[in-house]
C-alpha atoms as a PDB file:
ATOM      1  CA  MET A   1     196.295-227.114  42.146  1.00  0.00           C
ATOM      2  CA  THR A   2     194.219-224.928  39.866  1.00  0.00           C
ATOM      3  CA  GLN A   3     191.306-223.489  41.662  1.00  0.00           C
ATOM      4  CA  ARG A   4     187.714-223.934  40.260  1.00  0.00           C
ATOM      5  CA  PRO A   5     185.800-220.779  39.721  1.00  0.00           C
ATOM      6  CA  LEU A   6     182.872-219.529  41.689  1.00  0.00           C
ATOM      7  CA  ILE A   7     180.044-218.088  39.585  1.00  0.00           C
ATOM      8  CA  HIS A   8     177.452-215.916  41.653  1.00  0.00           C
ATOM      9  CA  ILE A   9     174.549-215.036  39.400  1.00  0.00           C
ATOM     10  CA  GLY A  10     172.155-213.288  41.736  1.00  0.00           C
ATOM     11  CA  TYR A  11     169.220-213.033  42.010  1.00  0.00           C
ATOM     12  CA  GLN A  12     169.077-209.225  42.104  1.00  0.00           C
ATOM     13  CA  LYS A  13     168.045-207.893  45.499  1.00  0.00           C
ATOM     14  CA  THR A  14     169.422-210.922  47.416  1.00  0.00           C
ATOM     15  CA  ALA A  15     172.370-209.144  49.259  1.00  0.00           C
ATOM     16  CA  SER A  16     174.594-209.254  46.097  1.00  0.00           C
ATOM     17  CA  THR A  17     176.244-206.059  47.029  1.00  0.00           C
ATOM     18  CA  PHE A  18     177.124-207.351  50.490  1.00  0.00           C
ATOM     19  CA  LEU A  19     178.747-210.526  48.946  1.00  0.00           C
ATOM     20  CA  GLN A  20     180.656-208.394  46.492  1.00  0.00           C
ATOM     21  CA  LYS A  21     181.840-205.908  49.143  1.00  0.00           C
ATOM     22  CA  LYS A  22     182.162-207.866  52.180  1.00  0.00           C
ATOM     23  CA  ILE A  23     183.027-211.534  51.225  1.00  0.00           C
ATOM     24  CA  PHE A  24     184.347-211.658  47.659  1.00  0.00           C
ATOM     25  CA  ALA A  25     186.682-208.604  48.357  1.00  0.00           C
ATOM     26  CA  ASP A  26     188.646-210.696  50.608  1.00  0.00           C
ATOM     27  CA  GLU A  27     191.882-211.147  48.666  1.00  0.00           C
ATOM     28  CA  THR A  28     193.351-213.804  50.887  1.00  0.00           C
ATOM     29  CA  VAL A  29     190.545-216.166  49.669  1.00  0.00           C
ATOM     30  CA  PHE A  30     189.310-214.706  46.371  1.00  0.00           C
ATOM     31  CA  VAL A  31     190.497-213.264  43.210  1.00  0.00           C
ATOM     32  CA  ARG A  32     188.210-211.267  40.805  1.00  0.00           C
ATOM     33  CA  PRO A  33     189.988-211.246  37.322  1.00  0.00           C
ATOM     34  CA  TRP A  34     187.212-209.194  35.875  1.00  0.00           C
ATOM     35  CA  GLY A  35     186.691-206.813  38.745  1.00  0.00           C
ATOM     36  CA  ALA A  36     184.158-206.397  41.394  1.00  0.00           C
ATOM     37  CA  HIS A  37     181.177-206.036  39.238  1.00  0.00           C
ATOM     38  CA  PRO A  38     182.229-207.736  36.045  1.00  0.00           C
ATOM     39  CA  ALA A  39     180.878-206.220  32.768  1.00  0.00           C
ATOM     40  CA  PRO A  40     182.821-208.874  30.733  1.00  0.00           C
ATOM     41  CA  ALA A  41     180.428-211.421  32.283  1.00  0.00           C
ATOM     42  CA  ILE A  42     177.367-209.727  30.833  1.00  0.00           C
ATOM     43  CA  GLU A  43     179.202-209.229  27.593  1.00  0.00           C
ATOM     44  CA  HIS A  44     180.190-212.918  27.064  1.00  0.00           C
ATOM     45  CA  PHE A  45     177.372-214.749  28.758  1.00  0.00           C
ATOM     46  CA  VAL A  46     174.350-212.555  27.965  1.00  0.00           C
ATOM     47  CA  LEU A  47     175.018-210.190  25.052  1.00  0.00           C
ATOM     48  CA  GLU A  48     177.504-211.901  22.666  1.00  0.00           C
ATOM     49  CA  HIS A  49     176.025-213.232  19.562  1.00  0.00           C
ATOM     50  CA  PRO A  50     175.533-217.037  19.636  1.00  0.00           C
ATOM     51  CA  GLN A  51     177.631-217.473  16.505  1.00  0.00           C
ATOM     52  CA  LYS A  52     180.438-215.319  17.994  1.00  0.00           C
ATOM     53  CA  PHE A  53     180.509-216.825  21.454  1.00  0.00           C
ATOM     54  CA  ASP A  54     183.823-218.768  21.897  1.00  0.00           C
ATOM     55  CA  ALA A  55     184.039-220.408  25.280  1.00  0.00           C
ATOM     56  CA  ASN A  56     187.801-221.296  24.780  1.00  0.00           C
ATOM     57  CA  ALA A  57     188.412-217.511  24.144  1.00  0.00           C
ATOM     58  CA  VAL A  58     186.509-216.302  27.194  1.00  0.00           C
ATOM     59  CA  ARG A  59     188.295-219.032  29.455  1.00  0.00           C
ATOM     60  CA  ASP A  60     191.706-217.866  28.218  1.00  0.00           C
ATOM     61  CA  ASP A  61     190.807-214.198  28.919  1.00  0.00           C
ATOM     62  CA  PHE A  62     189.611-215.031  32.489  1.00  0.00           C
ATOM     63  CA  GLY A  63     192.899-217.046  33.147  1.00  0.00           C
ATOM     64  CA  THR A  64     193.647-219.670  35.839  1.00  0.00           C
ATOM     65  CA  TYR A  65     194.602-219.373  39.328  1.00  0.00           C
ATOM     66  CA  GLN A  66     196.431-221.421  41.882  1.00  0.00           C
ATOM     67  CA  ASP A  67     196.101-220.141  45.306  1.00  0.00           C
ATOM     68  CA  ARG A  68     192.783-218.158  45.408  1.00  0.00           C
ATOM     69  CA  ILE A  69     189.339-218.907  44.216  1.00  0.00           C
ATOM     70  CA  PRO A  70     188.450-216.854  41.051  1.00  0.00           C
ATOM     71  CA  VAL A  71     185.020-215.234  41.294  1.00  0.00           C
ATOM     72  CA  ILE A  72     182.551-213.872  38.845  1.00  0.00           C
ATOM     73  CA  SER A  73     179.733-212.184  40.775  1.00  0.00           C
ATOM     74  CA  HIS A  74     177.144-210.316  38.778  1.00  0.00           C
ATOM     75  CA  GLU A  75     173.349-210.429  39.968  1.00  0.00           C
ATOM     76  CA  ASP A  76     172.175-209.531  36.449  1.00  0.00           C
ATOM     77  CA  LEU A  77     173.316-213.049  35.116  1.00  0.00           C
ATOM     78  CA  SER A  78     170.123-214.618  36.493  1.00  0.00           C
ATOM     79  CA  GLY A  79     167.987-212.042  34.469  1.00  0.00           C
ATOM     80  CA  TYR A  80     166.842-208.368  34.662  1.00  0.00           C
ATOM     81  CA  PRO A  81     163.047-208.574  35.407  1.00  0.00           C
ATOM     82  CA  ILE A  82     162.284-204.851  35.592  1.00  0.00           C
ATOM     83  CA  LYS A  83     163.614-204.513  32.024  1.00  0.00           C
ATOM     84  CA  GLY A  84     161.881-207.686  30.908  1.00  0.00           C
ATOM     85  CA  TRP A  85     165.028-209.461  30.217  1.00  0.00           C
ATOM     86  CA  TYR A  86     165.038-213.177  30.798  1.00  0.00           C
ATOM     87  CA  TYR A  87     167.964-215.230  29.507  1.00  0.00           C
ATOM     88  CA  ALA A  88     169.039-217.652  32.350  1.00  0.00           C
ATOM     89  CA  GLU A  89     169.270-220.703  30.056  1.00  0.00           C
ATOM     90  CA  THR A  90     171.715-219.022  27.679  1.00  0.00           C
ATOM     91  CA  VAL A  91     173.777-217.982  30.595  1.00  0.00           C
ATOM     92  CA  ALA A  92     173.763-221.511  32.075  1.00  0.00           C
ATOM     93  CA  ALA A  93     174.731-223.210  28.890  1.00  0.00           C
ATOM     94  CA  ARG A  94     177.498-220.815  28.212  1.00  0.00           C
ATOM     95  CA  LEU A  95     178.925-220.987  31.727  1.00  0.00           C
ATOM     96  CA  LYS A  96     178.981-224.786  31.402  1.00  0.00           C
ATOM     97  CA  LYS A  97     180.795-224.571  28.039  1.00  0.00           C
ATOM     98  CA  THR A  98     183.420-222.099  29.643  1.00  0.00           C
ATOM     99  CA  PHE A  99     183.752-223.284  33.100  1.00  0.00           C
ATOM    100  CA  PRO A 100     182.520-226.891  33.334  1.00  0.00           C
ATOM    101  CA  ASP A 101     183.905-227.422  36.773  1.00  0.00           C
ATOM    102  CA  ALA A 102     182.693-224.086  38.229  1.00  0.00           C
ATOM    103  CA  ARG A 103     180.712-223.846  41.460  1.00  0.00           C
ATOM    104  CA  VAL A 104     177.504-221.807  40.941  1.00  0.00           C
ATOM    105  CA  LEU A 105     175.888-219.750  43.659  1.00  0.00           C
ATOM    106  CA  ILE A 106     172.253-218.603  43.339  1.00  0.00           C
ATOM    107  CA  CYS A 107     170.479-216.561  45.977  1.00  0.00           C
ATOM    108  CA  CYS A 108     166.639-216.364  46.232  1.00  0.00           C
ATOM    109  CA  ARG A 109     164.149-214.382  48.308  1.00  0.00           C
ATOM    110  CA  GLU A 110     160.608-214.574  49.447  1.00  0.00           C
ATOM    111  CA  GLN A 111     158.608-213.435  46.400  1.00  0.00           C
ATOM    112  CA  VAL A 112     156.340-210.651  47.887  1.00  0.00           C
ATOM    113  CA  SER A 113     159.391-209.028  49.423  1.00  0.00           C
ATOM    114  CA  MET A 114     161.247-209.675  46.250  1.00  0.00           C
ATOM    115  CA  ILE A 115     158.722-208.000  43.986  1.00  0.00           C
ATOM    116  CA  VAL A 116     158.213-205.078  46.258  1.00  0.00           C
ATOM    117  CA  SER A 117     162.139-204.513  46.215  1.00  0.00           C
ATOM    118  CA  GLN A 118     162.192-204.894  42.490  1.00  0.00           C
ATOM    119  CA  TYR A 119     159.691-202.296  42.090  1.00  0.00           C
ATOM    120  CA  PHE A 120     161.572-199.765  44.223  1.00  0.00           C
ATOM    121  CA  GLN A 121     164.614-200.474  42.181  1.00  0.00           C
ATOM    122  CA  TYR A 122     162.534-199.914  39.042  1.00  0.00           C
ATOM    123  CA  ILE A 123     161.695-196.446  40.212  1.00  0.00           C
ATOM    124  CA  ARG A 124     165.299-195.773  41.184  1.00  0.00           C
ATOM    125  CA  GLN A 125     166.278-196.504  37.584  1.00  0.00           C
ATOM    126  CA  GLY A 126     163.828-194.047  36.057  1.00  0.00           C
ATOM    127  CA  GLY A 127     160.596-196.059  35.969  1.00  0.00           C
ATOM    128  CA  THR A 128     157.176-194.405  35.972  1.00  0.00           C
ATOM    129  CA  ASP A 129     154.571-197.260  35.592  1.00  0.00           C
ATOM    130  CA  THR A 130     152.698-198.676  38.515  1.00  0.00           C
ATOM    131  CA  LEU A 131     153.391-202.112  39.888  1.00  0.00           C
ATOM    132  CA  GLU A 132     149.991-203.287  38.677  1.00  0.00           C
ATOM    133  CA  ARG A 133     150.899-202.400  35.065  1.00  0.00           C
ATOM    134  CA  LEU A 134     154.337-204.128  35.311  1.00  0.00           C
ATOM    135  CA  ILE A 135     153.164-207.377  36.940  1.00  0.00           C
ATOM    136  CA  ASP A 136     149.372-207.866  35.845  1.00  0.00           C
ATOM    137  CA  ASP A 137     149.017-210.858  33.818  1.00  0.00           C
ATOM    138  CA  THR A 138     145.250-211.231  33.917  1.00  0.00           C
ATOM    139  CA  ASP A 139     144.580-209.637  30.502  1.00  0.00           C
ATOM    140  CA  ILE A 140     147.642-210.766  28.569  1.00  0.00           C
ATOM    141  CA  ARG A 141     146.889-212.262  25.121  1.00  0.00           C
ATOM    142  CA  ILE A 142     148.678-215.351  23.799  1.00  0.00           C
ATOM    143  CA  GLY A 143     152.363-214.453  22.820  1.00  0.00           C
ATOM    144  CA  ARG A 144     152.630-211.553  25.198  1.00  0.00           C
ATOM    145  CA  ARG A 145     153.987-211.382  28.883  1.00  0.00           C
ATOM    146  CA  PRO A 146     154.104-208.668  31.608  1.00  0.00           C
ATOM    147  CA  VAL A 147     157.281-207.051  32.072  1.00  0.00           C
ATOM    148  CA  ILE A 148     157.801-208.574  35.493  1.00  0.00           C
ATOM    149  CA  ARG A 149     157.073-212.250  34.989  1.00  0.00           C
ATOM    150  CA  LYS A 150     156.122-214.348  37.940  1.00  0.00           C
ATOM    151  CA  GLU A 151     157.560-217.589  36.776  1.00  0.00           C
ATOM    152  CA  HIS A 152     161.092-215.889  37.001  1.00  0.00           C
ATOM    153  CA  PHE A 153     160.525-216.118  40.760  1.00  0.00           C
ATOM    154  CA  GLU A 154     159.615-219.810  40.745  1.00  0.00           C
ATOM    155  CA  TYR A 155     163.035-220.596  42.136  1.00  0.00           C
ATOM    156  CA  ASP A 156     162.631-224.282  41.612  1.00  0.00           C
ATOM    157  CA  LEU A 157     162.645-223.657  37.915  1.00  0.00           C
ATOM    158  CA  MET A 158     165.754-221.471  38.001  1.00  0.00           C
ATOM    159  CA  HIS A 159     167.266-224.363  40.083  1.00  0.00           C
ATOM    160  CA  GLY A 160     166.160-226.802  37.392  1.00  0.00           C
ATOM    161  CA  ILE A 161     167.734-224.855  34.598  1.00  0.00           C
ATOM    162  CA  PHE A 162     171.179-224.886  36.132  1.00  0.00           C
ATOM    163  CA  SER A 163     170.981-228.413  37.451  1.00  0.00           C
ATOM    164  CA  GLN A 164     170.643-229.464  33.681  1.00  0.00           C
ATOM    165  CA  HIS A 165     174.138-228.131  33.358  1.00  0.00           C
ATOM    166  CA  PHE A 166     175.832-228.501  36.696  1.00  0.00           C
ATOM    167  CA  PRO A 167     175.819-231.492  39.057  1.00  0.00           C
ATOM    168  CA  ASP A 168     174.329-231.130  42.631  1.00  0.00           C
ATOM    169  CA  ASP A 169     177.871-230.749  44.270  1.00  0.00           C
ATOM    170  CA  GLN A 170     178.626-227.687  42.013  1.00  0.00           C
ATOM    171  CA  LEU A 171     175.401-225.963  42.613  1.00  0.00           C
ATOM    172  CA  LEU A 172     174.087-224.064  45.733  1.00  0.00           C
ATOM    173  CA  MET A 173     170.858-222.063  45.926  1.00  0.00           C
ATOM    174  CA  LEU A 174     170.583-220.060  49.238  1.00  0.00           C
ATOM    175  CA  PRO A 175     167.552-218.215  50.667  1.00  0.00           C
ATOM    176  CA  HIS A 176     168.517-214.582  51.257  1.00  0.00           C
ATOM    177  CA  GLU A 177     166.614-214.780  54.644  1.00  0.00           C
ATOM    178  CA  LEU A 178     169.292-217.179  56.096  1.00  0.00           C
ATOM    179  CA  LEU A 179     171.721-214.371  56.042  1.00  0.00           C
ATOM    180  CA  ALA A 180     169.726-212.274  58.421  1.00  0.00           C
ATOM    181  CA  GLN A 181     168.131-215.146  60.505  1.00  0.00           C
ATOM    182  CA  GLN A 182     170.894-217.945  60.527  1.00  0.00           C
ATOM    183  CA  PRO A 183     174.177-216.347  59.303  1.00  0.00           C
ATOM    184  CA  ASP A 184     176.118-219.248  60.538  1.00  0.00           C
ATOM    185  CA  VAL A 185     173.991-221.619  58.524  1.00  0.00           C
ATOM    186  CA  TYR A 186     174.239-219.412  55.456  1.00  0.00           C
ATOM    187  CA  PHE A 187     178.131-219.379  55.636  1.00  0.00           C
ATOM    188  CA  ALA A 188     178.378-223.113  56.475  1.00  0.00           C
ATOM    189  CA  LYS A 189     176.503-223.810  53.202  1.00  0.00           C
ATOM    190  CA  ILE A 190     178.866-221.481  51.227  1.00  0.00           C
ATOM    191  CA  ASN A 191     182.013-223.249  52.921  1.00  0.00           C
ATOM    192  CA  GLY A 192     180.532-226.599  51.994  1.00  0.00           C
ATOM    193  CA  LEU A 193     180.374-225.603  48.264  1.00  0.00           C
ATOM    194  CA  LEU A 194     183.778-223.995  48.250  1.00  0.00           C
ATOM    195  CA  GLY A 195     185.893-225.829  50.946  1.00  0.00           C
ATOM    196  CA  THR A 196     186.532-222.453  52.684  1.00  0.00           C
ATOM    197  CA  THR A 197     186.222-221.397  56.250  1.00  0.00           C
ATOM    198  CA  LEU A 198     184.412-218.122  55.903  1.00  0.00           C
ATOM    199  CA  THR A 199     182.582-216.670  58.947  1.00  0.00           C
ATOM    200  CA  PRO A 200     179.826-213.883  59.025  1.00  0.00           C
ATOM    201  CA  PRO A 201     181.337-210.408  59.091  1.00  0.00           C
ATOM    202  CA  GLU A 202     180.016-207.583  61.263  1.00  0.00           C
ATOM    203  CA  GLN A 203     176.764-206.272  59.451  1.00  0.00           C
ATOM    204  CA  LYS A 204     174.962-203.437  60.996  1.00  0.00           C
ATOM    205  CA  LYS A 205     172.505-202.772  58.170  1.00  0.00           C
ATOM    206  CA  ALA A 206     171.784-203.675  54.453  1.00  0.00           C
ATOM    207  CA  VAL A 207     174.705-202.510  52.210  1.00  0.00           C
ATOM    208  CA  HIS A 208     172.271-201.238  49.497  1.00  0.00           C
ATOM    209  CA  GLN A 209     168.944-200.337  50.966  1.00  0.00           C
ATOM    210  CA  LYS A 210     165.810-199.417  49.097  1.00  0.00           C
ATOM    211  CA  ARG A 211     164.519-195.924  49.207  1.00  0.00           C
ATOM    212  CA  SER A 212     161.767-194.998  51.622  1.00  0.00           C
ATOM    213  CA  GLY A 213     158.323-194.795  50.354  1.00  0.00           C
ATOM    214  CA  ALA A 214     158.102-191.051  50.440  1.00  0.00           C
ATOM    215  CA  ALA A 215     161.488-190.741  48.422  1.00  0.00           C
ATOM    216  CA  ALA A 216     160.212-193.307  46.002  1.00  0.00           C
ATOM    217  CA  GLN A 217     156.985-191.331  45.263  1.00  0.00           C
ATOM    218  CA  VAL A 218     158.848-188.143  44.688  1.00  0.00           C
ATOM    219  CA  GLU A 219     161.309-190.016  42.446  1.00  0.00           C
ATOM    220  CA  ARG A 220     158.688-191.536  40.318  1.00  0.00           C
ATOM    221  CA  VAL A 221     157.057-188.018  39.710  1.00  0.00           C
ATOM    222  CA  PHE A 222     160.566-186.575  38.750  1.00  0.00           C
ATOM    223  CA  ASN A 223     161.079-189.616  36.584  1.00  0.00           C
ATOM    224  CA  LYS A 224     158.240-188.414  34.332  1.00  0.00           C
ATOM    225  CA  PHE A 225     159.988-185.242  33.526  1.00  0.00           C
ATOM    226  CA  VAL A 226     163.857-186.051  33.830  1.00  0.00           C
ATOM    227  CA  ASP A 227     165.413-187.838  31.028  1.00  0.00           C
ATOM    228  CA  HIS A 228     167.121-191.162  32.001  1.00  0.00           C
ATOM    229  CA  PRO A 229     169.358-192.121  29.166  1.00  0.00           C
ATOM    230  CA  GLY A 230     169.627-195.861  28.660  1.00  0.00           C
ATOM    231  CA  ASN A 231     173.288-195.720  28.008  1.00  0.00           C
ATOM    232  CA  LEU A 232     174.706-193.752  30.994  1.00  0.00           C
ATOM    233  CA  PRO A 233     178.446-192.779  31.179  1.00  0.00           C
ATOM    234  CA  ALA A 234     180.722-194.905  33.287  1.00  0.00           C
ATOM    235  CA  ASP A 235     181.530-191.880  35.589  1.00  0.00           C
ATOM    236  CA  TYR A 236     178.741-190.442  37.657  1.00  0.00           C
ATOM    237  CA  LYS A 237     180.138-186.872  37.323  1.00  0.00           C
ATOM    238  CA  ASP A 238     179.291-187.170  33.579  1.00  0.00           C
ATOM    239  CA  TYR A 239     175.594-188.042  34.120  1.00  0.00           C
ATOM    240  CA  PRO A 240     173.175-185.347  32.967  1.00  0.00           C
ATOM    241  CA  LEU A 241     172.972-182.504  35.266  1.00  0.00           C
ATOM    242  CA  ALA A 242     169.159-182.796  35.806  1.00  0.00           C
ATOM    243  CA  MET A 243     169.620-186.393  36.665  1.00  0.00           C
ATOM    244  CA  ARG A 244     172.260-185.755  39.264  1.00  0.00           C
ATOM    245  CA  ALA A 245     170.225-182.902  40.782  1.00  0.00           C
ATOM    246  CA  GLN A 246     167.200-185.296  41.028  1.00  0.00           C
ATOM    247  CA  ASN A 247     169.316-187.929  42.791  1.00  0.00           C
ATOM    248  CA  ARG A 248     170.648-185.418  45.169  1.00  0.00           C
ATOM    249  CA  LEU A 249     167.219-184.150  46.117  1.00  0.00           C
ATOM    250  CA  VAL A 250     165.752-187.697  46.413  1.00  0.00           C
ATOM    251  CA  ARG A 251     168.672-188.812  48.656  1.00  0.00           C
ATOM    252  CA  TYR A 252     167.997-185.867  50.961  1.00  0.00           C
ATOM    253  CA  ILE A 253     164.181-186.750  51.173  1.00  0.00           C
ATOM    254  CA  ASP A 254     165.142-190.520  51.706  1.00  0.00           C
ATOM    255  CA  ASP A 255     167.646-189.725  54.575  1.00  0.00           C
ATOM    256  CA  PHE A 256     165.190-187.206  56.162  1.00  0.00           C
ATOM    257  CA  THR A 257     162.234-189.436  55.998  1.00  0.00           C
ATOM    258  CA  LYS A 258     163.983-192.582  57.318  1.00  0.00           C
ATOM    259  CA  LYS A 259     165.393-190.696  60.337  1.00  0.00           C
ATOM    260  CA  TYR A 260     162.463-188.425  61.321  1.00  0.00           C
ATOM    261  CA  THR A 261     159.165-189.217  59.858  1.00  0.00           C
ATOM    262  CA  ASN A 262     156.837-192.054  58.806  1.00  0.00           C
ATOM    263  CA  LEU A 263     155.949-190.356  55.567  1.00  0.00           C
ATOM    264  CA  GLY A 264     155.739-192.831  52.785  1.00  0.00           C
ATOM    265  CA  GLN A 265     154.553-195.931  54.820  1.00  0.00           C
ATOM    266  CA  ARG A 266     151.139-195.754  53.126  1.00  0.00           C
ATOM    267  CA  PHE A 267     152.866-196.024  49.821  1.00  0.00           C
ATOM    268  CA  GLU A 268     155.018-198.897  50.897  1.00  0.00           C
ATOM    269  CA  LYS A 269     152.167-200.895  52.303  1.00  0.00           C
ATOM    270  CA  LYS A 270     150.175-200.173  48.970  1.00  0.00           C
ATOM    271  CA  VAL A 271     153.015-201.626  46.999  1.00  0.00           C
ATOM    272  CA  GLU A 272     153.142-204.540  49.198  1.00  0.00           C
ATOM    273  CA  ARG A 273     149.271-205.084  49.146  1.00  0.00           C
ATOM    274  CA  ILE A 274     149.411-205.013  45.280  1.00  0.00           C
ATOM    275  CA  ALA A 275     152.241-207.614  45.106  1.00  0.00           C
ATOM    276  CA  THR A 276     150.374-209.864  47.745  1.00  0.00           C
ATOM    277  CA  ASP A 277     147.071-209.626  45.844  1.00  0.00           C
ATOM    278  CA  SER A 278     148.626-210.377  42.535  1.00  0.00           C
ATOM    279  CA  ILE A 279     150.602-213.364  43.765  1.00  0.00           C
ATOM    280  CA  GLY A 280     147.942-214.898  45.963  1.00  0.00           C
ATOM    281  CA  THR A 281     149.032-218.622  46.296  1.00  0.00           C
ATOM    282  CA  TYR A 282     150.950-218.602  43.012  1.00  0.00           C
ATOM    283  CA  TYR A 283     154.281-219.687  44.583  1.00  0.00           C
ATOM    284  CA  SER A 284     153.186-222.193  47.164  1.00  0.00           C
ATOM    285  CA  GLY A 285     153.773-225.146  45.067  1.00  0.00           C
ATOM    286  CA  SER A 286     157.095-223.915  43.791  1.00  0.00           C
ATOM    287  CA  ASN A 287     158.189-223.110  47.242  1.00  0.00           C
ATOM    288  CA  ALA A 288     157.284-226.548  48.475  1.00  0.00           C
ATOM    289  CA  ARG A 289     159.220-228.184  45.679  1.00  0.00           C
ATOM    290  CA  LEU A 290     162.223-225.940  46.290  1.00  0.00           C
ATOM    291  CA  ALA A 291     162.145-226.829  50.047  1.00  0.00           C
ATOM    292  CA  ALA A 292     162.396-230.414  49.108  1.00  0.00           C
ATOM    293  CA  LEU A 293     165.350-229.737  46.757  1.00  0.00           C
ATOM    294  CA  LEU A 294     167.313-227.817  49.193  1.00  0.00           C
ATOM    295  CA  ASP A 295     166.126-229.765  52.201  1.00  0.00           C
ATOM    296  CA  CYS A 296     165.267-226.445  54.011  1.00  0.00           C
ATOM    297  CA  ASP A 297     162.264-225.424  55.893  1.00  0.00           C
ATOM    298  CA  LEU A 298     161.494-222.442  53.704  1.00  0.00           C
ATOM    299  CA  SER A 299     158.138-221.891  55.609  1.00  0.00           C
ATOM    300  CA  ALA A 300     160.099-221.085  58.748  1.00  0.00           C
ATOM    301  CA  LEU A 301     161.842-218.368  56.741  1.00  0.00           C
ATOM    302  CA  GLY A 302     158.531-216.709  55.560  1.00  0.00           C
ATOM    303  CA  TYR A 303     158.079-218.518  52.246  1.00  0.00           C
ATOM    304  CA  PRO A 304     154.362-219.717  51.653  1.00  0.00           C
ATOM    305  CA  CYS A 305     154.583-223.345  50.924  1.00  0.00           C
ATOM    306  CA  GLY A 306     151.629-225.498  49.919  1.00  0.00           C
ATOM    307  CA  PRO A 307     150.961-228.761  48.102  1.00  0.00           C
ATOM    308  CA  SER A 308     153.540-229.413  45.389  1.00  0.00           C
ATOM    309  CA  ASP A 309     151.724-230.308  42.122  1.00  0.00           C
END
């Protein structure tokens, strides 16, 4: 029997690397026709011109598989907020045309934690702006939005986009926090979607940790002087020498401060405070609606939940 694909679309910063390296890499259960971090998924479902997109050609290129579940896992399919790129509706519609029987996995994360992590990633990718400038929407005129849009993290809206294209039994949204707090529940839900018997692997720490506050501060300063080309080479050894030297120094600072000092904690707390103050109660209603959709007590996982309007 032909196996129906699994499409994992992110969000970013919700243990995507863990899933890709520890779960989807199990070749007894899964096959990844386009590789571990499939660039063709971005090419076809995000970048390709609407008049050139051919669902049949994409499906033929991907292939069919009998014994193992074919997987596309790319966290950028849900959007790229630190770049200001939002295209989930396009992705959902194209996935439906290409793989109408696919199972879709979406992972979410409590919004303050999410936005803080997004900002640290923004710095890691060469950013120099403050979080205030990226997220502030108090003085945005009609027709404009901040780079990081709050509505992107109203997860009931993302669920709604995909539920317009895929029925409930093909769609699963999982809170990231379940993986740490209730891993058996997390994997039981994935097994329910896929019909598998996956179990939680040994996991000592996050696969892809954010920088320490001290390292992030240093890196943000360097970013103002070191060029970060938008189109980087595929091989890290071909990156610009200044960029590689910066990365080496920042990694050293990151390792040292995490092991031996508390340097940078003030910066981390400042970023968290900025995110908290900017968000306020913005997500309470959305989280309450999502909790009802998922039949999950999100408040117990740290999500603020208020009256659903």
